[in-house]
Protein backbone atom coordinates (compact mmCIF):
# COMPACT_ATOMS: atom_id res chain seq x y z
CA UNK A 1 -9.71 -12.02 -31.99
CA UNK A 2 -7.46 -9.02 -32.28
CA UNK A 3 -8.60 -6.10 -34.52
CA UNK A 4 -7.18 -2.67 -35.54
CA UNK A 5 -8.28 0.71 -36.10
CA UNK A 6 -6.13 3.46 -37.67
CA UNK A 7 -5.80 6.50 -35.16
CA UNK A 8 -3.55 9.49 -36.18
CA UNK A 9 -1.56 7.59 -38.51
CA UNK A 10 -1.08 4.90 -35.67
CA UNK A 11 -2.53 1.46 -35.28
CA UNK A 12 -4.66 0.80 -32.38
CA UNK A 13 -5.42 -3.06 -31.49
CA UNK A 14 -8.50 -4.03 -29.66
CA UNK A 15 -10.45 -7.19 -28.67
CA UNK A 16 -14.25 -7.34 -29.37
CA UNK A 17 -16.12 -10.46 -28.25
CA UNK A 18 -19.78 -11.22 -26.90
CA UNK A 19 -23.15 -9.24 -28.20
CA UNK A 20 -25.46 -6.98 -26.49
CA UNK A 21 -24.72 -3.60 -24.37
CA UNK A 22 -21.58 -2.75 -24.96
CA UNK A 23 -19.00 -2.31 -22.26
CA UNK A 24 -15.48 -1.14 -22.80
CA UNK A 25 -12.85 -2.06 -20.66
CA UNK A 26 -9.68 0.27 -20.50
CA UNK A 27 -6.53 -0.94 -18.94
CA UNK A 28 -4.06 0.83 -16.82
CA UNK A 29 -0.40 1.92 -17.00
CA UNK A 30 2.26 -0.98 -17.67
CA UNK A 31 -0.79 -3.07 -18.78
CA UNK A 32 -2.54 -4.16 -22.01
CA UNK A 33 -5.78 -5.74 -23.12
CA UNK A 34 -4.40 -9.09 -22.09
CA UNK A 35 -4.68 -8.00 -18.35
CA UNK A 36 -8.36 -8.31 -18.80
CA UNK A 37 -8.66 -11.69 -20.48
CA UNK A 38 -10.32 -13.51 -17.58
CA UNK A 39 -13.03 -10.94 -16.55
CA UNK A 40 -13.67 -10.13 -20.41
CA UNK A 41 -14.21 -13.62 -21.03
CA UNK A 42 -17.08 -14.14 -18.21
CA UNK A 43 -18.25 -10.40 -19.01
CA UNK A 44 -18.86 -11.52 -22.64
CA UNK A 45 -21.24 -14.17 -21.85
CA UNK A 46 -23.88 -11.40 -21.30
CA UNK A 47 -22.58 -8.24 -22.93
CA UNK A 48 -20.44 -7.07 -25.79
CA UNK A 49 -16.92 -6.55 -24.68
CA UNK A 50 -14.08 -4.27 -26.11
CA UNK A 51 -10.77 -3.91 -24.79
CA UNK A 52 -8.29 -1.67 -26.64
CA UNK A 53 -4.67 -1.63 -26.37
CA UNK A 54 -4.47 2.20 -25.25
CA UNK A 55 -1.63 3.88 -27.39
CA UNK A 56 1.67 3.42 -25.85
CA UNK A 57 1.06 0.18 -24.43
CA UNK A 58 0.30 -3.20 -25.47
CA UNK A 59 0.88 -3.59 -29.65
CA UNK A 60 -0.81 -0.10 -30.12
CA UNK A 61 1.31 2.65 -31.46
CA UNK A 62 3.17 5.60 -29.96
CA UNK A 63 1.41 9.04 -30.58
CA UNK A 64 4.27 11.29 -29.48
CA UNK A 65 6.28 12.28 -26.62
CA UNK A 66 3.06 13.07 -24.51
CA UNK A 67 0.18 11.00 -24.23
CA UNK A 68 -2.52 13.11 -22.52
CA UNK A 69 -5.76 11.63 -21.11
CA UNK A 70 -7.50 13.70 -23.61
CA UNK A 71 -5.76 12.05 -26.44
CA UNK A 72 -6.09 8.67 -25.23
CA UNK A 73 -9.81 9.28 -24.91
CA UNK A 74 -9.77 10.16 -28.62
CA UNK A 75 -8.01 7.03 -29.47
CA UNK A 76 -11.21 5.20 -27.57
CA UNK A 77 -13.66 7.15 -29.63
CA UNK A 78 -11.82 6.06 -32.66
CA UNK A 79 -12.44 2.45 -31.85
CA UNK A 80 -16.02 3.18 -31.27
CA UNK A 81 -16.51 4.52 -34.36
CA UNK A 82 -14.95 2.04 -36.07
CA UNK A 83 -17.32 -0.44 -34.34
CA UNK A 84 -20.32 1.47 -35.31
CA UNK A 85 -21.04 2.14 -31.48
CA UNK A 86 -22.73 5.24 -30.67
CA UNK A 87 -22.66 4.70 -26.90
CA UNK A 88 -21.24 2.31 -24.34
CA UNK A 89 -20.41 1.81 -20.70
CA UNK A 90 -16.49 2.18 -19.76
CA UNK A 91 -14.72 0.81 -17.00
CA UNK A 92 -11.28 2.18 -16.73
CA UNK A 93 -8.56 0.52 -14.51
CA UNK A 94 -6.19 3.21 -12.76
CA UNK A 95 -4.83 5.32 -15.86
CA UNK A 96 -7.74 3.75 -17.78
CA UNK A 97 -10.20 5.23 -15.44
CA UNK A 98 -8.27 8.60 -15.93
CA UNK A 99 -8.95 8.39 -19.70
CA UNK A 100 -12.40 7.50 -18.83
CA UNK A 101 -13.00 10.83 -16.75
CA UNK A 102 -11.49 12.32 -19.84
CA UNK A 103 -14.26 10.86 -21.92
CA UNK A 104 -16.93 12.13 -19.16
CA UNK A 105 -15.90 15.71 -19.46
CA UNK A 106 -15.47 16.08 -23.25
CA UNK A 107 -17.70 13.28 -24.83
CA UNK A 108 -20.18 12.44 -22.07
CA UNK A 109 -23.05 11.84 -25.13
CA UNK A 110 -20.79 8.43 -26.01
CA UNK A 111 -21.19 7.21 -22.45
CA UNK A 112 -23.86 5.40 -20.93
CA UNK A 113 -22.05 4.96 -17.59
CA UNK A 114 -18.37 4.92 -16.22
CA UNK A 115 -16.48 2.70 -13.62
CA UNK A 116 -13.52 4.12 -11.78
CA UNK A 117 -11.70 0.87 -10.99
CA UNK A 118 -9.11 1.66 -8.71
CA UNK A 119 -8.80 5.18 -9.92
CA UNK A 120 -9.98 8.82 -9.00
CA UNK A 121 -10.58 12.40 -10.55
CA UNK A 122 -7.93 14.16 -8.77
CA UNK A 123 -4.79 15.51 -10.10
CA UNK A 124 -1.40 14.13 -9.28
CA UNK A 125 0.18 15.19 -5.90
CA UNK A 126 3.73 16.46 -5.72
CA UNK A 127 4.86 13.16 -4.46
CA UNK A 128 3.40 11.12 -7.43
CA UNK A 129 4.84 13.52 -9.82
CA UNK A 130 8.10 13.10 -8.20
CA UNK A 131 7.63 9.35 -8.61
CA UNK A 132 6.75 9.73 -12.06
CA UNK A 133 9.86 11.87 -12.89
CA UNK A 134 12.28 8.93 -11.54
CA UNK A 135 10.15 6.26 -13.35
CA UNK A 136 10.74 8.29 -16.49
CA UNK A 137 14.85 8.78 -15.76
CA UNK A 138 14.72 4.93 -14.83
CA UNK A 139 13.05 3.90 -18.04
CA UNK A 140 15.72 6.42 -19.89
CA UNK A 141 18.49 4.37 -18.11
CA UNK A 142 17.28 1.06 -19.56
CA UNK A 143 15.58 -0.02 -16.42
CA UNK A 144 12.05 -0.74 -17.23
CA UNK A 145 12.36 -4.33 -16.20
CA UNK A 146 13.00 -3.20 -12.74
CA UNK A 147 10.24 -0.93 -12.43
CA UNK A 148 8.20 -3.62 -13.64
CA UNK A 149 9.25 -6.22 -11.13
CA UNK A 150 8.71 -3.53 -8.24
CA UNK A 151 5.42 -1.96 -9.19
CA UNK A 152 3.55 -4.80 -10.18
CA UNK A 153 3.90 -7.07 -7.06
CA UNK A 154 2.90 -3.77 -5.22
CA UNK A 155 -0.33 -3.89 -7.01
CA UNK A 156 -1.66 -6.69 -5.23
CA UNK A 157 -2.62 -6.83 -1.54
CA UNK A 158 0.55 -8.58 0.15
CA UNK A 159 -1.78 -11.22 1.21
CA UNK A 160 -2.40 -12.28 -2.00
CA UNK A 161 0.91 -12.50 -3.71
CA UNK A 162 1.43 -16.11 -2.82
CA UNK A 163 -1.91 -17.41 -3.89
CA UNK A 164 -1.81 -15.24 -7.13
CA UNK A 165 1.76 -15.99 -7.96
CA UNK A 166 0.88 -16.98 -11.53
CA UNK A 167 -1.20 -13.69 -12.07
CA UNK A 168 1.71 -11.65 -10.62
CA UNK A 169 4.21 -13.20 -13.18
CA UNK A 170 1.70 -12.84 -15.90
CA UNK A 171 1.03 -9.13 -15.09
CA UNK A 172 4.82 -8.53 -14.67
CA UNK A 173 5.53 -9.94 -18.09
CA UNK A 174 2.78 -7.51 -19.53
CA UNK A 175 4.46 -4.70 -17.90
CA UNK A 176 7.90 -5.73 -19.35
CA UNK A 177 6.67 -5.82 -23.08
CA UNK A 178 5.32 -2.15 -22.71
CA UNK A 179 7.50 0.11 -25.03
CA UNK A 180 9.92 2.43 -23.36
CA UNK A 181 8.45 5.55 -25.21
CA UNK A 182 4.96 4.66 -24.57
CA UNK A 183 5.52 4.33 -20.78
CA UNK A 184 7.12 7.86 -20.80
CA UNK A 185 4.52 9.31 -22.83
CA UNK A 186 1.73 8.15 -20.67
CA UNK A 187 3.76 9.17 -17.40
CA UNK A 188 3.93 12.75 -18.90
CA UNK A 189 0.41 12.68 -19.85
CA UNK A 190 -0.69 11.41 -16.63
CA UNK A 191 1.38 14.26 -14.53
CA UNK A 192 -0.72 16.77 -16.84
CA UNK A 193 -3.94 15.82 -16.32
CA UNK A 194 -6.39 17.98 -14.67
CA UNK A 195 -8.67 17.79 -11.55
CA UNK A 196 -12.05 16.22 -12.76
CA UNK A 197 -13.70 16.24 -9.32
CA UNK A 198 -16.32 18.89 -10.62
CA UNK A 199 -16.89 16.88 -13.52
CA UNK A 200 -17.63 13.75 -11.50
CA UNK A 201 -19.86 15.63 -8.92
CA UNK A 202 -22.08 17.24 -11.59
CA UNK A 203 -22.50 14.49 -14.02
CA UNK A 204 -25.93 12.73 -14.75
CA UNK A 205 -24.36 9.57 -16.35
CA UNK A 206 -24.13 6.63 -13.83
CA UNK A 207 -20.83 6.33 -12.05
CA UNK A 208 -19.48 3.12 -10.19
CA UNK A 209 -16.40 3.30 -7.89
CA UNK A 210 -14.56 0.01 -7.06
CA UNK A 211 -11.66 0.51 -4.56
CA UNK A 212 -9.30 -2.06 -2.86
CA UNK A 213 -9.17 -1.91 0.89
CA UNK A 214 -5.28 -2.77 0.62
CA UNK A 215 -4.34 -0.59 -2.33
CA UNK A 216 -0.88 0.67 -1.99
CA UNK A 217 -1.25 3.03 -4.84
CA UNK A 218 -4.45 4.82 -4.37
CA UNK A 219 -5.49 5.55 -0.67
CA UNK A 220 -8.65 3.65 0.14
CA UNK A 221 -9.60 6.09 2.92
CA UNK A 222 -9.16 9.10 0.20
CA UNK A 223 -11.03 7.45 -2.17
CA UNK A 224 -13.93 6.60 -0.04
CA UNK A 225 -14.30 9.91 1.62
CA UNK A 226 -12.89 12.41 -0.68
CA UNK A 227 -14.42 11.62 -4.19
CA UNK A 228 -17.40 13.97 -4.89
CA UNK A 229 -19.81 11.39 -6.17
CA UNK A 230 -23.32 12.60 -7.63
CA UNK A 231 -26.50 11.00 -6.43
CA UNK A 232 -26.79 8.47 -9.51
CA UNK A 233 -23.17 6.64 -8.28
CA UNK A 234 -22.63 3.86 -6.57
CA UNK A 235 -19.47 2.61 -4.20
CA UNK A 236 -18.11 -0.98 -4.30
CA UNK A 237 -15.48 -2.04 -1.67
CA UNK A 238 -13.09 -4.92 -2.32
CA UNK A 239 -12.21 -6.07 1.07
CA UNK A 240 -9.31 -8.33 -0.28
CA UNK A 241 -7.85 -6.28 -3.03
CA UNK A 242 -4.93 -4.10 -3.51
CA UNK A 243 -4.88 -2.11 -7.05
CA UNK A 244 -5.83 -4.67 -9.05
CA UNK A 245 -8.93 -6.07 -7.76
CA UNK A 246 -10.32 -7.91 -11.07
CA UNK A 247 -7.53 -10.33 -10.71
CA UNK A 248 -7.43 -10.52 -6.93
CA UNK A 249 -11.36 -10.58 -6.35
CA UNK A 250 -12.54 -11.65 -9.79
CA UNK A 251 -15.91 -12.98 -8.87
CA UNK A 252 -17.08 -9.95 -7.00
CA UNK A 253 -15.51 -7.60 -9.61
CA UNK A 254 -17.78 -9.75 -12.23
CA UNK A 255 -20.84 -9.17 -10.16
CA UNK A 256 -20.20 -5.36 -9.31
CA UNK A 257 -19.56 -4.50 -13.40
CA UNK A 258 -22.26 -6.78 -14.49
CA UNK A 259 -25.10 -5.07 -12.02
CA UNK A 260 -24.02 -1.86 -13.01
CA UNK A 261 -24.55 -2.58 -16.58
CA UNK A 262 -27.60 -4.21 -16.22
CA UNK A 263 -29.18 -1.51 -13.82
CA UNK A 264 -28.39 1.45 -16.16
CA UNK A 265 -28.64 0.10 -19.70
């Protein structure tokens, strides 16, 4: 069942299923809450699982020309407040992880733990910023579908493209359905985000990092060697995944997240 909360004059849509300890799943760029359907269904057998459409994506509204990660985090808090939830675990995929890091820095009391799922605390490199600027130009030229049909297959490890063809197609259709203005606002927001390396290294909140060995968007070696993790952190490698491991290795992803919540609740 999809629910709605009003945040700064826009609607944020979210799903809410299961009971017990709350786990919030935050989707990435060009995704929506639907991307989590399979994993959320399994997780909801043991936990309360909430999946919002972040502002600018899915069926949620658009806040303005720039969606900073801090503003997305405030939208997530609006969902928690609406549901009467004081604290939760957050697992963020890619851009969702950047949102989770903004929560860690500014609203840490609301977190029981944070999972960075194919995500990291570093700011955009010059190369990444240039790529985002090119995507903004393409969206303004009406070429969103082209971006989706290039970016989404690239999120999967090459060896998984054939066996997971239906998942690639489903994720591509989700991306194509993302509003143009929302895409651009989130691209600008990701370009503006600061480094949160110190925040991550000094936190007392449990952290789980899940990385794909064949990730074409975020270098596995950089994630494995450069993220400054605190003592209360764990690192899980998905050996057969690219940038979207919860679709590529769903059982291992399910176990990693379930164990993380159980061990730290």
